[in-house]
Protein backbone atom coordinates (compact mmCIF):
# COMPACT_ATOMS: atom_id res chain seq x y z
CA UNK A 1 -56.62 8.57 -66.25
CA UNK A 2 -59.87 10.56 -66.45
CA UNK A 3 -59.38 12.00 -62.96
CA UNK A 4 -55.89 13.09 -63.87
CA UNK A 5 -57.11 14.87 -66.97
CA UNK A 6 -59.86 16.69 -65.10
CA UNK A 7 -57.45 17.89 -62.49
CA UNK A 8 -55.16 19.37 -65.10
CA UNK A 9 -58.03 21.03 -66.98
CA UNK A 10 -59.09 22.83 -63.79
CA UNK A 11 -55.64 24.24 -63.46
CA UNK A 12 -54.94 22.56 -60.14
CA UNK A 13 -51.75 20.60 -59.64
CA UNK A 14 -51.95 16.87 -59.78
CA UNK A 15 -52.01 15.04 -56.47
CA UNK A 16 -48.60 14.35 -54.99
CA UNK A 17 -47.43 10.79 -55.07
CA UNK A 18 -46.84 9.10 -51.70
CA UNK A 19 -43.20 9.09 -50.60
CA UNK A 20 -41.36 6.03 -51.64
CA UNK A 21 -39.84 3.88 -48.91
CA UNK A 22 -36.74 3.56 -50.99
CA UNK A 23 -36.17 7.25 -51.51
CA UNK A 24 -33.14 9.34 -50.43
CA UNK A 25 -34.78 10.61 -47.24
CA UNK A 26 -35.31 7.07 -46.01
CA UNK A 27 -31.65 6.27 -46.65
CA UNK A 28 -30.57 9.35 -44.71
CA UNK A 29 -32.79 8.52 -41.72
CA UNK A 30 -31.57 4.92 -41.67
CA UNK A 31 -27.91 5.92 -41.85
CA UNK A 32 -28.49 8.59 -39.19
CA UNK A 33 -30.07 6.02 -36.90
CA UNK A 34 -27.12 3.70 -37.36
CA UNK A 35 -24.69 6.52 -36.60
CA UNK A 36 -26.68 7.45 -33.51
CA UNK A 37 -26.63 3.84 -32.29
CA UNK A 38 -22.89 3.54 -32.96
CA UNK A 39 -22.30 6.83 -31.18
CA UNK A 40 -24.19 5.65 -28.10
CA UNK A 41 -22.28 2.38 -28.08
CA UNK A 42 -19.04 4.28 -28.53
CA UNK A 43 -19.79 6.53 -25.55
CA UNK A 44 -20.70 3.56 -23.35
CA UNK A 45 -18.07 1.04 -24.43
CA UNK A 46 -14.96 3.16 -25.06
CA UNK A 47 -14.21 3.89 -21.36
CA UNK A 48 -14.37 0.18 -20.59
CA UNK A 49 -12.00 -0.57 -23.45
CA UNK A 50 -9.52 1.96 -22.09
CA UNK A 51 -9.51 0.42 -18.60
CA UNK A 52 -9.76 -3.19 -19.80
CA UNK A 53 -5.93 -3.73 -19.88
CA UNK A 54 -5.71 -2.91 -16.19
CA UNK A 55 -8.50 -5.30 -15.23
CA UNK A 56 -7.10 -8.05 -17.44
CA UNK A 57 -3.66 -7.64 -15.88
CA UNK A 58 -5.15 -7.54 -12.39
CA UNK A 59 -7.20 -10.67 -13.07
CA UNK A 60 -4.16 -12.54 -14.39
CA UNK A 61 -1.57 -11.46 -11.84
CA UNK A 62 -3.69 -10.41 -8.86
CA UNK A 63 -7.10 -12.01 -8.63
CA UNK A 64 -6.21 -15.46 -9.98
CA UNK A 65 -3.15 -15.93 -7.68
CA UNK A 66 -5.26 -14.75 -4.74
CA UNK A 67 -8.04 -17.24 -5.42
CA UNK A 68 -5.58 -20.03 -6.22
CA UNK A 69 -3.65 -19.38 -3.00
CA UNK A 70 -6.93 -19.57 -1.08
CA UNK A 71 -7.65 -22.94 -2.68
CA UNK A 72 -4.14 -24.18 -1.88
CA UNK A 73 -4.60 -23.18 1.75
CA UNK A 74 -7.38 -25.78 2.00
CA UNK A 75 -5.16 -28.58 0.68
CA UNK A 76 -2.00 -30.44 1.55
CA UNK A 77 0.36 -29.39 -1.23
CA UNK A 78 3.95 -30.37 -1.90
CA UNK A 79 6.15 -29.42 -4.83
CA UNK A 80 5.69 -31.91 -7.61
CA UNK A 81 2.77 -33.66 -5.88
CA UNK A 82 -0.99 -33.62 -6.27
CA UNK A 83 -3.03 -31.57 -3.79
CA UNK A 84 -4.97 -33.46 -1.14
CA UNK A 85 -8.01 -31.88 0.46
CA UNK A 86 -7.62 -30.91 4.13
CA UNK A 87 -10.29 -28.28 4.63
CA UNK A 88 -9.44 -25.90 7.46
CA UNK A 89 -6.80 -28.18 8.92
CA UNK A 90 -3.95 -25.90 7.81
CA UNK A 91 -5.53 -23.02 9.72
CA UNK A 92 -6.14 -25.08 12.85
CA UNK A 93 -2.54 -26.34 12.73
CA UNK A 94 -1.33 -22.74 12.64
CA UNK A 95 -3.62 -21.81 15.52
CA UNK A 96 -1.89 -24.41 17.70
CA UNK A 97 1.64 -23.70 16.42
CA UNK A 98 3.97 -21.79 18.71
CA UNK A 99 6.06 -20.78 15.69
CA UNK A 100 3.07 -18.99 14.14
CA UNK A 101 2.21 -17.07 17.31
CA UNK A 102 5.88 -16.20 17.81
CA UNK A 103 6.07 -14.85 14.25
CA UNK A 104 2.83 -12.91 14.71
CA UNK A 105 4.09 -11.35 17.95
CA UNK A 106 7.46 -10.51 16.36
CA UNK A 107 5.70 -8.88 13.41
CA UNK A 108 3.66 -6.75 15.82
CA UNK A 109 6.58 -5.68 18.02
CA UNK A 110 8.93 -4.90 15.14
CA UNK A 111 6.12 -2.97 13.48
CA UNK A 112 5.49 -0.86 16.57
CA UNK A 113 9.12 -0.04 17.39
CA UNK A 114 9.83 0.84 13.77
CA UNK A 115 6.64 2.66 12.76
CA UNK A 116 6.16 4.94 15.78
CA UNK A 117 9.68 6.49 15.87
CA UNK A 118 9.74 6.61 12.08
CA UNK A 119 6.57 8.68 11.76
CA UNK A 120 7.43 10.95 14.68
CA UNK A 121 10.84 11.77 13.19
CA UNK A 122 9.24 12.24 9.76
CA UNK A 123 6.83 14.79 11.23
CA UNK A 124 9.70 16.69 12.85
CA UNK A 125 11.80 16.72 9.69
CA UNK A 126 8.86 17.85 7.57
CA UNK A 127 8.12 20.66 10.04
CA UNK A 128 11.72 21.89 9.82
CA UNK A 129 11.82 21.67 6.03
CA UNK A 130 8.54 23.57 5.82
CA UNK A 131 10.36 26.71 6.94
CA UNK A 132 12.68 28.71 4.71
CA UNK A 133 15.99 27.16 5.58
CA UNK A 134 19.17 27.77 3.64
CA UNK A 135 19.78 24.83 1.33
CA UNK A 136 16.42 23.23 2.03
CA UNK A 137 16.27 21.93 -1.55
CA UNK A 138 19.41 19.90 -0.90
CA UNK A 139 18.01 18.56 2.37
CA UNK A 140 14.76 17.54 0.68
CA UNK A 141 16.72 15.44 -1.78
CA UNK A 142 19.12 14.12 0.85
CA UNK A 143 16.41 12.72 3.13
CA UNK A 144 15.09 10.68 0.21
CA UNK A 145 18.47 9.03 -0.43
CA UNK A 146 17.93 6.18 2.09
CA UNK A 147 14.67 5.27 0.34
CA UNK A 148 16.54 4.94 -2.97
CA UNK A 149 19.19 2.71 -1.37
CA UNK A 150 19.00 -1.02 -1.98
CA UNK A 151 17.60 -3.08 0.90
CA UNK A 152 20.51 -5.49 0.59
CA UNK A 153 23.14 -2.73 0.73
CA UNK A 154 21.51 -0.96 3.67
CA UNK A 155 21.01 -4.16 5.66
CA UNK A 156 24.58 -5.34 5.10
CA UNK A 157 25.95 -2.00 6.30
CA UNK A 158 23.81 -2.03 9.44
CA UNK A 159 24.69 -5.67 10.06
CA UNK A 160 28.33 -4.60 10.23
CA UNK A 161 27.49 -1.68 12.51
CA UNK A 162 25.58 -3.94 14.90
CA UNK A 163 28.11 -6.76 14.81
CA UNK A 164 28.66 -8.09 18.33
CA UNK A 165 32.43 -8.50 18.07
CA UNK A 166 33.69 -5.58 16.01
CA UNK A 167 30.66 -3.40 15.28
CA UNK A 168 30.81 0.36 15.78
CA UNK A 169 27.66 0.40 17.93
CA UNK A 170 29.18 -1.90 20.56
CA UNK A 171 32.42 0.08 20.43
CA UNK A 172 30.54 3.28 21.26
CA UNK A 173 28.62 1.53 24.04
CA UNK A 174 31.91 0.22 25.43
CA UNK A 175 33.26 3.78 25.65
CA UNK A 176 30.36 4.78 27.92
CA UNK A 177 30.75 1.70 30.10
CA UNK A 178 27.99 -0.48 28.67
CA UNK A 179 28.91 -4.08 28.00
CA UNK A 180 28.67 -5.65 24.52
CA UNK A 181 25.09 -6.18 23.39
CA UNK A 182 24.16 -9.37 21.55
CA UNK A 183 22.53 -7.65 18.61
CA UNK A 184 21.95 -10.89 16.70
CA UNK A 185 21.28 -13.66 19.20
CA UNK A 186 19.17 -11.70 21.73
CA UNK A 187 15.51 -11.11 20.93
CA UNK A 188 14.93 -7.45 21.74
CA UNK A 189 18.33 -6.15 20.58
CA UNK A 190 17.89 -7.98 17.27
CA UNK A 191 14.41 -6.53 16.78
CA UNK A 192 15.65 -3.05 17.65
CA UNK A 193 18.47 -3.38 15.10
CA UNK A 194 16.03 -4.43 12.37
CA UNK A 195 13.70 -1.58 13.35
CA UNK A 196 16.59 0.88 13.00
CA UNK A 197 17.12 -0.32 9.41
CA UNK A 198 13.43 0.09 8.58
CA UNK A 199 13.29 3.51 10.25
CA UNK A 200 16.40 4.71 8.41
CA UNK A 201 14.98 3.69 5.03
CA UNK A 202 11.45 5.08 5.34
CA UNK A 203 11.69 8.20 7.49
CA UNK A 204 12.65 10.51 4.61
CA UNK A 205 9.94 9.12 2.37
CA UNK A 206 7.23 9.82 4.94
CA UNK A 207 8.77 13.22 5.69
CA UNK A 208 8.27 14.29 2.07
CA UNK A 209 4.65 13.14 2.19
CA UNK A 210 4.10 15.19 5.34
CA UNK A 211 5.90 18.16 3.79
CA UNK A 212 3.61 18.13 0.77
CA UNK A 213 0.59 18.09 3.08
CA UNK A 214 1.99 20.90 5.24
CA UNK A 215 2.53 23.14 2.23
CA UNK A 216 -1.16 22.80 1.39
CA UNK A 217 -2.20 24.24 4.77
CA UNK A 218 -3.52 27.82 4.28
CA UNK A 219 -1.07 30.47 5.48
CA UNK A 220 -3.98 32.43 6.98
CA UNK A 221 -4.25 29.86 9.76
CA UNK A 222 -0.64 30.42 10.79
CA UNK A 223 -1.05 34.20 10.60
CA UNK A 224 -4.12 34.07 12.81
CA UNK A 225 -2.33 31.82 15.32
CA UNK A 226 0.69 34.14 15.32
CA UNK A 227 -1.52 37.17 15.99
CA UNK A 228 -3.01 35.27 18.93
CA UNK A 229 0.51 34.90 20.35
CA UNK A 230 0.96 31.19 19.58
CA UNK A 231 4.54 29.96 19.44
CA UNK A 232 5.83 27.80 16.63
CA UNK A 233 5.38 24.70 18.76
CA UNK A 234 1.79 25.67 19.55
CA UNK A 235 1.15 26.34 15.85
CA UNK A 236 2.54 22.91 15.03
CA UNK A 237 0.28 21.20 17.59
CA UNK A 238 -2.89 23.28 17.06
CA UNK A 239 -2.71 24.09 13.35
CA UNK A 240 -0.39 21.75 11.47
CA UNK A 241 -1.31 18.42 13.05
CA UNK A 242 -5.11 18.85 12.75
CA UNK A 243 -4.76 20.07 9.15
CA UNK A 244 -2.73 17.07 7.97
CA UNK A 245 -4.57 14.45 10.04
CA UNK A 246 -5.80 12.50 6.96
CA UNK A 247 -2.22 12.31 5.67
CA UNK A 248 -0.99 11.09 9.05
CA UNK A 249 -3.66 8.39 9.05
CA UNK A 250 -2.62 7.37 5.54
CA UNK A 251 1.06 7.00 6.49
CA UNK A 252 0.13 5.05 9.63
CA UNK A 253 -1.88 2.55 7.58
CA UNK A 254 0.75 2.23 4.83
CA UNK A 255 3.57 1.80 7.36
CA UNK A 256 1.55 -0.82 9.23
CA UNK A 257 0.96 -2.72 6.01
CA UNK A 258 4.68 -2.55 5.25
CA UNK A 259 5.52 -3.83 8.74
CA UNK A 260 3.10 -6.74 8.29
CA UNK A 261 4.90 -7.72 5.07
CA UNK A 262 8.43 -7.21 6.45
CA UNK A 263 10.76 -9.71 4.79
CA UNK A 264 13.99 -8.41 3.28
CA UNK A 265 15.54 -6.69 6.29
CA UNK A 266 15.24 -9.56 8.83
CA UNK A 267 16.20 -12.18 6.25
CA UNK A 268 19.41 -10.40 5.21
CA UNK A 269 20.22 -9.31 8.75
CA UNK A 270 20.14 -12.90 10.00
CA UNK A 271 22.58 -14.15 7.39
CA UNK A 272 22.66 -17.96 7.21
CA UNK A 273 19.82 -18.22 9.76
CA UNK A 274 17.85 -15.32 8.34
CA UNK A 275 15.05 -17.48 6.91
CA UNK A 276 14.21 -18.85 10.36
CA UNK A 277 14.53 -15.40 11.95
CA UNK A 278 17.68 -16.10 13.92
CA UNK A 279 18.94 -19.17 15.75
CA UNK A 280 15.97 -19.03 18.15
CA UNK A 281 13.34 -17.48 15.84
CA UNK A 282 13.80 -14.29 17.83
CA UNK A 283 12.97 -11.99 14.90
CA UNK A 284 11.06 -14.28 12.54
CA UNK A 285 8.14 -12.43 10.96
CA UNK A 286 5.03 -13.80 9.25
CA UNK A 287 6.61 -13.31 5.83
CA UNK A 288 9.72 -15.26 6.86
CA UNK A 289 7.58 -18.04 8.33
CA UNK A 290 5.56 -18.22 5.13
CA UNK A 291 8.75 -18.49 3.08
CA UNK A 292 10.19 -21.14 5.38
CA UNK A 293 6.99 -23.22 5.33
CA UNK A 294 6.69 -23.08 1.55
CA UNK A 295 10.24 -23.33 0.23
CA UNK A 296 12.20 -24.95 3.06
CA UNK A 297 9.68 -27.31 4.65
CA UNK A 298 7.86 -27.89 1.34
CA UNK A 299 4.45 -27.22 2.96
CA UNK A 300 2.83 -24.96 0.38
CA UNK A 301 -0.61 -25.45 1.90
CA UNK A 302 0.42 -23.99 5.25
CA UNK A 303 2.35 -21.22 3.49
CA UNK A 304 -0.81 -20.32 1.56
CA UNK A 305 -2.79 -20.29 4.81
CA UNK A 306 -0.28 -17.84 6.31
CA UNK A 307 -0.61 -15.66 3.21
CA UNK A 308 -4.39 -15.54 3.64
CA UNK A 309 -4.08 -14.73 7.33
CA UNK A 310 -1.81 -11.82 6.40
CA UNK A 311 -4.42 -10.70 3.87
CA UNK A 312 -7.13 -10.78 6.54
CA UNK A 313 -4.92 -8.72 8.85
CA UNK A 314 -4.43 -6.13 6.11
CA UNK A 315 -8.18 -6.02 5.45
CA UNK A 316 -8.71 -5.49 9.17
CA UNK A 317 -6.27 -2.59 9.11
CA UNK A 318 -8.07 -1.12 6.10
CA UNK A 319 -11.40 -1.48 7.90
CA UNK A 320 -10.06 0.34 10.95
CA UNK A 321 -8.82 3.14 8.69
CA UNK A 322 -12.24 3.44 7.07
CA UNK A 323 -13.96 3.64 10.45
CA UNK A 324 -11.54 6.27 11.73
CA UNK A 325 -11.93 8.32 8.54
CA UNK A 326 -15.71 8.16 8.76
CA UNK A 327 -15.56 9.20 12.42
CA UNK A 328 -13.37 12.18 11.52
CA UNK A 329 -15.67 13.24 8.69
CA UNK A 330 -18.71 12.96 10.97
CA UNK A 331 -16.95 14.96 13.65
CA UNK A 332 -15.97 17.70 11.23
CA UNK A 333 -19.43 17.75 9.68
CA UNK A 334 -21.04 18.04 13.09
């Protein structure tokens, strides 16, 4: 008390009291720290919350069935029965099965004779639609109509066209002196007929993808090629194709994946024997064999093994695409 009195008698202000830990400034700093922490958590966690529904859906309907199918492929499984462990026996049984190798070969051949003509025709159509044709808007919509058509409707129509007894295709061949072709019971004619259905449905879709890529090619490249005296065909080969090469690679991979999973067209085309791919398995694909093993022969373990083999084939195709893309990027960078 004496010190305080002396300080006031000298005219100097009394010493300031130390700040209290419970004062307003302390409350503001504490609340500001909490807001800063919440803000940081909000910045970090909010993006994951936004994408969480996708990952939850993928885990429930994608990842879990994939893992469960892999587990089933290592067991002997029948509907209504308990699984019995078999290890890799399902895979070794498939490796020695002539039906599996026949289905694998059919999947490859149908894929080749449907994918190659399909993409070549799509390139040609896209090149034509890339020019200023009269009514090109109508043609762009028209070529997409087959893609919007039901698989069942398209296959039933083509099954009538390729009918051996009264189909229009055999009638036309008869006019030019070619005998009736067994479009259903013969192996290669049946595969060609199924490939025609696939080609008809997907050509317009791929053509629109190519058209979108072609319209992104700079017009300066075509002007420079025209000044050099290049014809339209030469411009297409030397300018268009190299410019849309990534898009072509994309459609090749997607079409190959679709051919590997081919199911609806051969099943509906075969009618009563569609599940087995014809009376002699002449157009049975891997998807049809998987369906037959699982739901006709009640061998879900072997069906799951076929599903995993198809997955490995698709991963192999994706790996090849990645290698080709890396090679192209390295080549362009060099």
